[in-house]
Amino acid sequence: MAVEWVVAAGVVVAASAVLWAFSAWMTRRIEVAVPINGRFVEVDGERFHYVEEGQGPALVMIHGLMGSSRNLTYALSAQLRGQFRVISVDRPGSGYSSRRSGTAADLPAQARQMAAFIKTLDLDQPLVLGHSLGGAIALALALDHPHAVSGLILVAPLTHPQRMLPLVFLALAVRPAWLRRWMSRTLTMPVGLLTQGSVVKGVFAPDAAPPDFATRGGGLLGMRPDNFYAASTEINRVNDHLPGMLKRYPQLTLPIGLIYGARDNVLDFQKHGQGLASTVPGLKLQVVENRGHMLPITAPERVAALVEQVAKRVRPAQSATVLQAPFAMASK
């Protein structure tokens, strides 16, 4: 019996080594197919990768789970760069941004990181757009660091605790950190290659994913071991702070735009969209008929129009602040 256990353990180790080597090889191929397309800045020991386009008021865009800045530069940034300084950022652990071992991945931690990123770039209260999980981070940013943001645009955001993960993200529900690390280095890549089509289809449904989403949209980047590990870690922590955030939503007074696809199969627009709108005074939910979860790619014009609506509500307040300063000085 002992011999059988030794043989079995040897087989597991050998198979793991082969899968580890395969994953490393595929990671290099993915990074050739989807190369770095922006610049880097160090923020509190992490290396943030971001893409900057256009001129005007600053707009920081935060992607969702398993995504990258390419989800937002695929179609949306082109709609906005004529009016805004658009900064599409890879969240730590996603795309080409780093997340060191042991760095917290919960919502308050990611909000602190985004506040530090905004401060490092000296953006002075930008608009912040968050898609999906990026929307939850944008909300945490506004709640915990209100002076870091002037307005929010929430695109199909996660706003309430989820008892069950959406089916397309079920593979991320790996709780023990050691098992998560082992899976990321061995099984993630081959399983990802086999299921990539169905996962992308599920995230976009009922819309069709563009044929070049894997490369131009950054879809392949999420299959890399480090990206899988980071996403699995954060999704296992996401419910830790959402209940407390939910109680604080009525405190939000900054301009907010909220938009959802009526046929979103990832996050229910009534639970997360209407649920948020019912708790934030004056917030109205916009619903895009016959659209799913990936609105930055499938309905960029509608999202861009909402950004401009929020920007118009922010600008009068900013202008008033500018006008008040010289008046205050003259009255002394």
Protein backbone atom coordinates (compact mmCIF):
# COMPACT_ATOMS: atom_id res chain seq x y z
CA MET A 1 0.00 0.00 0.00
CA ALA A 2 2.83 2.38 0.88
CA VAL A 3 4.45 1.67 -2.47
CA GLU A 4 1.21 2.50 -4.28
CA TRP A 5 1.01 5.83 -2.44
CA VAL A 6 4.58 6.64 -3.37
CA VAL A 7 3.90 5.80 -7.01
CA ALA A 8 0.72 7.89 -7.02
CA ALA A 9 2.52 10.83 -5.43
CA GLY A 10 5.27 10.53 -8.03
CA VAL A 11 2.73 10.59 -10.84
CA VAL A 12 1.08 13.71 -9.38
CA VAL A 13 4.42 15.48 -9.03
CA ALA A 14 5.46 14.56 -12.56
CA ALA A 15 2.11 15.62 -14.03
CA SER A 16 2.25 18.87 -12.08
CA ALA A 17 5.73 19.58 -13.40
CA VAL A 18 4.61 19.01 -16.99
CA LEU A 19 1.53 21.21 -16.55
CA TRP A 20 3.62 23.90 -14.83
CA ALA A 21 6.06 23.97 -17.78
CA PHE A 22 3.17 24.04 -20.26
CA SER A 23 1.55 26.96 -18.42
CA ALA A 24 4.81 28.92 -18.39
CA TRP A 25 5.26 28.31 -22.12
CA MET A 26 1.69 29.35 -22.92
CA THR A 27 2.04 32.45 -20.75
CA ARG A 28 4.97 33.61 -22.87
CA ARG A 29 2.96 33.00 -26.03
CA ILE A 30 -0.01 34.96 -24.68
CA GLU A 31 2.21 37.90 -23.76
CA VAL A 32 3.58 37.97 -27.29
CA ALA A 33 0.06 37.91 -28.74
CA VAL A 34 -1.22 40.53 -26.25
CA PRO A 35 1.78 42.74 -25.45
CA ILE A 36 2.15 45.65 -23.05
CA ASN A 37 0.46 48.66 -24.65
CA GLY A 38 0.76 51.35 -21.99
CA ARG A 39 3.10 52.72 -19.37
CA PHE A 40 4.01 51.87 -15.79
CA VAL A 41 4.07 53.75 -12.50
CA GLU A 42 5.06 52.43 -9.08
CA VAL A 43 2.43 52.95 -6.37
CA ASP A 44 3.08 51.76 -2.82
CA GLY A 45 5.38 49.01 -4.03
CA GLU A 46 3.11 47.79 -6.82
CA ARG A 47 3.76 48.31 -10.53
CA PHE A 48 0.62 49.72 -12.14
CA HIS A 49 0.14 49.40 -15.89
CA TYR A 50 -2.19 51.92 -17.52
CA VAL A 51 -3.07 53.40 -20.90
CA GLU A 52 -3.54 57.15 -21.21
CA GLU A 53 -5.38 58.80 -24.10
CA GLY A 54 -6.73 62.27 -24.92
CA GLN A 55 -6.80 65.56 -23.07
CA GLY A 56 -9.26 67.29 -20.77
CA PRO A 57 -10.77 66.44 -17.38
CA ALA A 58 -9.31 63.23 -15.98
CA LEU A 59 -11.36 60.04 -16.22
CA VAL A 60 -10.01 56.86 -14.58
CA MET A 61 -11.57 53.61 -15.84
CA ILE A 62 -11.46 50.40 -13.76
CA HIS A 63 -12.17 47.01 -15.33
CA GLY A 64 -13.91 44.00 -13.83
CA LEU A 65 -13.08 40.46 -12.72
CA MET A 66 -10.57 38.56 -14.89
CA GLY A 67 -10.36 41.62 -17.15
CA SER A 68 -7.78 44.24 -18.02
CA SER A 69 -7.56 47.78 -19.32
CA ARG A 70 -8.00 46.36 -22.83
CA ASN A 71 -11.67 45.69 -22.01
CA LEU A 72 -12.03 49.48 -21.79
CA THR A 73 -9.69 50.55 -24.59
CA TYR A 74 -11.33 48.14 -27.06
CA ALA A 75 -14.13 50.58 -27.94
CA LEU A 76 -15.01 52.87 -25.04
CA SER A 77 -11.88 55.01 -24.69
CA ALA A 78 -12.12 56.02 -28.36
CA GLN A 79 -15.56 57.47 -27.62
CA LEU A 80 -14.17 59.58 -24.77
CA ARG A 81 -10.62 60.66 -25.57
CA GLY A 82 -11.79 63.66 -27.58
CA GLN A 83 -13.21 65.24 -24.41
CA PHE A 84 -11.35 63.60 -21.52
CA ARG A 85 -7.91 62.55 -20.37
CA VAL A 86 -8.81 58.87 -20.28
CA ILE A 87 -6.73 56.62 -18.03
CA SER A 88 -7.56 52.92 -18.32
CA VAL A 89 -5.78 51.02 -15.56
CA ASP A 90 -4.98 47.36 -14.94
CA ARG A 91 -6.01 46.61 -11.37
CA PRO A 92 -3.26 45.02 -9.24
CA GLY A 93 -2.92 41.37 -10.20
CA SER A 94 -4.70 41.92 -13.53
CA GLY A 95 -3.37 42.66 -16.99
CA TYR A 96 0.23 43.76 -16.56
CA SER A 97 -0.09 45.27 -13.06
CA SER A 98 1.59 43.44 -10.19
CA ARG A 99 0.14 42.18 -6.93
CA ARG A 100 2.76 41.09 -4.45
CA SER A 101 2.27 37.94 -2.39
CA GLY A 102 0.33 38.81 0.74
CA THR A 103 -1.11 42.06 -0.60
CA ALA A 104 -4.75 42.37 0.45
CA ALA A 105 -7.31 41.90 -2.32
CA ASP A 106 -10.54 42.95 -0.58
CA LEU A 107 -12.58 45.95 -1.71
CA PRO A 108 -11.20 48.50 0.81
CA ALA A 109 -7.64 47.48 -0.05
CA GLN A 110 -8.27 47.88 -3.78
CA ALA A 111 -9.94 51.24 -3.13
CA ARG A 112 -6.83 52.37 -1.20
CA GLN A 113 -4.66 51.27 -4.10
CA MET A 114 -6.77 53.22 -6.59
CA ALA A 115 -6.71 56.31 -4.35
CA ALA A 116 -2.91 56.04 -4.18
CA PHE A 117 -2.74 55.61 -7.97
CA ILE A 118 -4.85 58.76 -8.46
CA LYS A 119 -2.63 60.67 -6.04
CA THR A 120 0.57 59.44 -7.68
CA LEU A 121 -0.60 60.68 -11.08
CA ASP A 122 -1.75 63.96 -9.45
CA LEU A 123 -5.19 63.67 -11.05
CA ASP A 124 -7.02 65.89 -8.54
CA GLN A 125 -10.47 64.32 -8.13
CA PRO A 126 -11.07 62.64 -11.47
CA LEU A 127 -14.24 61.05 -12.67
CA VAL A 128 -14.06 57.30 -12.05
CA LEU A 129 -15.76 54.68 -14.21
CA GLY A 130 -16.04 51.16 -12.87
CA HIS A 131 -17.28 48.12 -14.76
CA SER A 132 -18.60 45.02 -12.94
CA LEU A 133 -16.24 44.31 -10.00
CA GLY A 134 -14.57 47.60 -10.94
CA GLY A 135 -17.88 49.24 -10.07
CA ALA A 136 -17.72 47.80 -6.54
CA ILE A 137 -14.18 49.16 -6.21
CA ALA A 138 -15.32 52.56 -7.50
CA LEU A 139 -18.07 52.59 -4.86
CA ALA A 140 -15.56 51.66 -2.13
CA LEU A 141 -13.31 54.44 -3.39
CA ALA A 142 -16.09 57.03 -3.14
CA LEU A 143 -17.12 55.82 0.33
CA ASP A 144 -13.64 55.52 1.86
CA HIS A 145 -11.77 58.23 -0.08
CA PRO A 146 -14.38 60.83 -1.04
CA HIS A 147 -11.75 63.49 -1.80
CA ALA A 148 -10.17 61.25 -4.45
CA VAL A 149 -13.12 61.28 -6.85
CA SER A 150 -15.56 63.89 -8.22
CA GLY A 151 -18.14 61.60 -9.82
CA LEU A 152 -18.85 57.94 -10.57
CA ILE A 153 -19.98 56.12 -13.68
CA LEU A 154 -21.04 52.60 -12.74
CA VAL A 155 -21.38 50.18 -15.64
CA ALA A 156 -23.09 46.89 -14.71
CA PRO A 157 -21.57 47.15 -11.23
CA LEU A 158 -21.47 44.58 -8.48
CA THR A 159 -23.23 46.37 -5.61
CA HIS A 160 -24.71 43.67 -3.33
CA PRO A 161 -23.37 40.45 -1.78
CA GLN A 162 -23.67 37.36 -3.97
CA ARG A 163 -24.39 33.99 -2.33
CA MET A 164 -23.38 32.18 -5.49
CA LEU A 165 -20.83 33.11 -8.12
CA PRO A 166 -22.09 33.63 -11.67
CA LEU A 167 -21.75 30.32 -13.49
CA VAL A 168 -19.08 31.63 -15.86
CA PHE A 169 -16.81 32.43 -12.88
CA LEU A 170 -17.47 29.27 -10.87
CA ALA A 171 -13.95 27.94 -11.52
CA LEU A 172 -12.59 30.83 -9.41
CA ALA A 173 -14.27 29.53 -6.23
CA VAL A 174 -11.11 27.96 -4.82
CA ARG A 175 -10.80 28.82 -1.12
CA PRO A 176 -7.53 27.34 0.23
CA ALA A 177 -4.70 29.59 -0.92
CA TRP A 178 -2.32 26.66 -1.47
CA LEU A 179 -4.83 24.89 -3.74
CA ARG A 180 -5.51 28.15 -5.58
CA ARG A 181 -1.77 28.57 -6.19
CA TRP A 182 -1.34 24.96 -7.36
CA MET A 183 -4.33 25.16 -9.68
CA SER A 184 -3.17 28.47 -11.14
CA ARG A 185 0.18 26.96 -12.09
CA THR A 186 -1.09 23.64 -13.41
CA LEU A 187 -4.75 23.32 -14.40
CA THR A 188 -5.79 26.89 -15.20
CA MET A 189 -4.10 27.10 -18.57
CA PRO A 190 -5.23 23.78 -20.12
CA VAL A 191 -8.75 24.10 -18.71
CA GLY A 192 -8.87 27.72 -19.84
CA LEU A 193 -7.90 26.78 -23.37
CA LEU A 194 -10.68 24.20 -23.46
CA THR A 195 -13.39 26.43 -21.97
CA GLN A 196 -12.36 29.88 -23.22
CA GLY A 197 -15.04 30.02 -25.89
CA SER A 198 -17.89 29.13 -23.54
CA VAL A 199 -16.69 31.51 -20.81
CA VAL A 200 -16.42 34.46 -23.18
CA LYS A 201 -19.79 33.59 -24.67
CA GLY A 202 -21.32 33.51 -21.18
CA VAL A 203 -19.83 36.86 -20.15
CA PHE A 204 -21.08 38.60 -23.31
CA ALA A 205 -24.46 36.84 -23.67
CA PRO A 206 -26.84 37.59 -25.25
CA ASP A 207 -24.44 39.76 -27.26
CA ALA A 208 -21.86 38.16 -29.51
CA ALA A 209 -18.25 38.64 -28.47
CA PRO A 210 -16.11 40.37 -31.11
CA PRO A 211 -13.83 37.89 -32.88
CA ASP A 212 -10.68 39.71 -31.77
CA PHE A 213 -11.64 39.99 -28.10
CA ALA A 214 -8.97 37.45 -27.10
CA THR A 215 -6.20 39.75 -28.31
CA ARG A 216 -7.42 43.31 -28.82
CA GLY A 217 -9.85 42.97 -25.91
CA GLY A 218 -7.29 41.29 -23.67
CA GLY A 219 -9.30 38.11 -23.11
CA LEU A 220 -6.23 35.86 -23.18
CA LEU A 221 -4.49 37.73 -20.36
CA GLY A 222 -6.91 36.43 -17.75
CA MET A 223 -5.81 32.84 -18.43
CA ARG A 224 -2.29 33.42 -17.14
CA PRO A 225 -1.54 31.80 -13.76
CA ASP A 226 -0.94 35.03 -11.82
CA ASN A 227 -4.11 36.62 -13.17
CA PHE A 228 -6.19 33.56 -12.27
CA TYR A 229 -4.73 33.48 -8.76
CA ALA A 230 -5.42 37.20 -8.22
CA ALA A 231 -8.99 36.94 -9.52
CA SER A 232 -9.75 33.86 -7.42
CA THR A 233 -8.33 35.58 -4.33
CA GLU A 234 -10.39 38.73 -4.75
CA ILE A 235 -13.64 36.95 -5.58
CA ASN A 236 -13.27 34.90 -2.40
CA ARG A 237 -13.01 38.15 -0.41
CA VAL A 238 -15.56 40.28 -2.22
CA ASN A 239 -18.46 39.57 0.15
CA ASP A 240 -16.44 40.50 3.23
CA HIS A 241 -17.18 44.21 2.94
CA LEU A 242 -20.20 44.54 0.62
CA PRO A 243 -22.74 44.23 3.49
CA GLY A 244 -21.10 47.15 5.29
CA MET A 245 -20.87 49.17 2.09
CA LEU A 246 -24.57 48.55 1.45
CA LYS A 247 -25.45 50.32 4.70
CA ARG A 248 -23.35 53.34 3.66
CA TYR A 249 -24.72 53.82 0.13
CA PRO A 250 -27.24 56.46 1.29
CA GLN A 251 -24.25 58.63 2.32
CA LEU A 252 -23.17 59.04 -1.31
CA THR A 253 -23.83 62.60 -2.51
CA LEU A 254 -21.47 62.94 -5.46
CA PRO A 255 -22.81 62.77 -9.05
CA ILE A 256 -23.32 59.14 -10.10
CA GLY A 257 -24.39 57.55 -13.36
CA LEU A 258 -25.65 53.95 -13.37
CA ILE A 259 -26.21 51.79 -16.42
CA TYR A 260 -27.03 48.12 -16.98
CA GLY A 261 -27.90 45.76 -19.77
CA ALA A 262 -31.47 44.50 -19.46
CA ARG A 263 -30.33 40.96 -20.32
CA ASP A 264 -27.19 40.86 -18.20
CA ASN A 265 -26.55 37.18 -17.35
CA VAL A 266 -23.64 37.89 -14.99
CA LEU A 267 -25.16 40.42 -12.56
CA ASP A 268 -28.92 40.90 -12.30
CA PHE A 269 -29.76 44.52 -13.07
CA GLN A 270 -32.70 44.57 -10.67
CA LYS A 271 -30.73 43.27 -7.68
CA HIS A 272 -27.54 45.22 -8.27
CA GLY A 273 -28.75 48.14 -10.35
CA GLN A 274 -32.19 48.96 -9.04
CA GLY A 275 -31.06 47.84 -5.60
CA LEU A 276 -28.38 50.53 -5.59
CA ALA A 277 -30.64 53.17 -7.12
CA SER A 278 -33.19 52.60 -4.36
CA THR A 279 -30.64 53.39 -1.63
CA VAL A 280 -28.81 56.40 -3.12
CA PRO A 281 -30.91 59.59 -3.09
CA GLY A 282 -31.66 60.85 -6.60
CA LEU A 283 -29.84 58.05 -8.41
CA LYS A 284 -31.55 56.81 -11.57
CA LEU A 285 -30.83 53.56 -13.34
CA GLN A 286 -30.43 53.51 -17.12
CA VAL A 287 -31.21 50.17 -18.76
CA VAL A 288 -30.01 49.24 -22.24
CA GLU A 289 -32.47 46.92 -23.88
CA ASN A 290 -31.29 43.61 -25.35
CA ARG A 291 -27.74 44.07 -24.04
CA GLY A 292 -25.70 41.95 -21.67
CA HIS A 293 -22.84 42.51 -19.25
CA MET A 294 -20.04 43.82 -21.47
CA LEU A 295 -21.48 47.26 -22.21
CA PRO A 296 -18.05 48.98 -22.58
CA ILE A 297 -17.62 46.85 -25.72
CA THR A 298 -21.19 46.24 -26.90
CA ALA A 299 -22.72 49.67 -26.16
CA PRO A 300 -19.83 52.15 -25.91
CA GLU A 301 -21.89 55.07 -27.22
CA ARG A 302 -24.45 54.68 -24.42
CA VAL A 303 -21.73 54.44 -21.78
CA ALA A 304 -19.90 57.47 -23.21
CA ALA A 305 -23.12 59.50 -23.18
CA LEU A 306 -23.56 58.66 -19.50
CA VAL A 307 -19.99 59.76 -18.76
CA GLU A 308 -20.73 63.13 -20.35
CA GLN A 309 -23.95 63.47 -18.36
CA VAL A 310 -22.10 62.92 -15.09
CA ALA A 311 -19.28 65.24 -16.18
CA LYS A 312 -21.78 68.06 -16.75
CA ARG A 313 -23.10 67.61 -13.22
CA VAL A 314 -19.56 67.74 -11.81
CA ARG A 315 -18.31 70.78 -13.74
CA PRO A 316 -20.68 73.40 -12.25
CA ALA A 317 -19.60 72.40 -8.73
CA GLN A 318 -15.93 72.60 -9.72
CA SER A 319 -16.46 76.01 -11.35
CA ALA A 320 -18.18 77.28 -8.21
CA THR A 321 -15.22 76.21 -6.11
CA VAL A 322 -12.82 78.06 -8.40
CA LEU A 323 -14.94 81.22 -8.27
CA GLN A 324 -15.29 81.12 -4.50
CA ALA A 325 -11.53 81.04 -3.85
CA PRO A 326 -10.65 84.51 -5.20
CA PHE A 327 -13.77 85.97 -3.61
CA ALA A 328 -12.74 84.56 -0.25
CA MET A 329 -9.25 86.03 -0.64
CA ALA A 330 -10.65 89.46 -1.58
CA SER A 331 -12.94 89.52 1.43
CA LYS A 332 -10.08 89.09 3.91
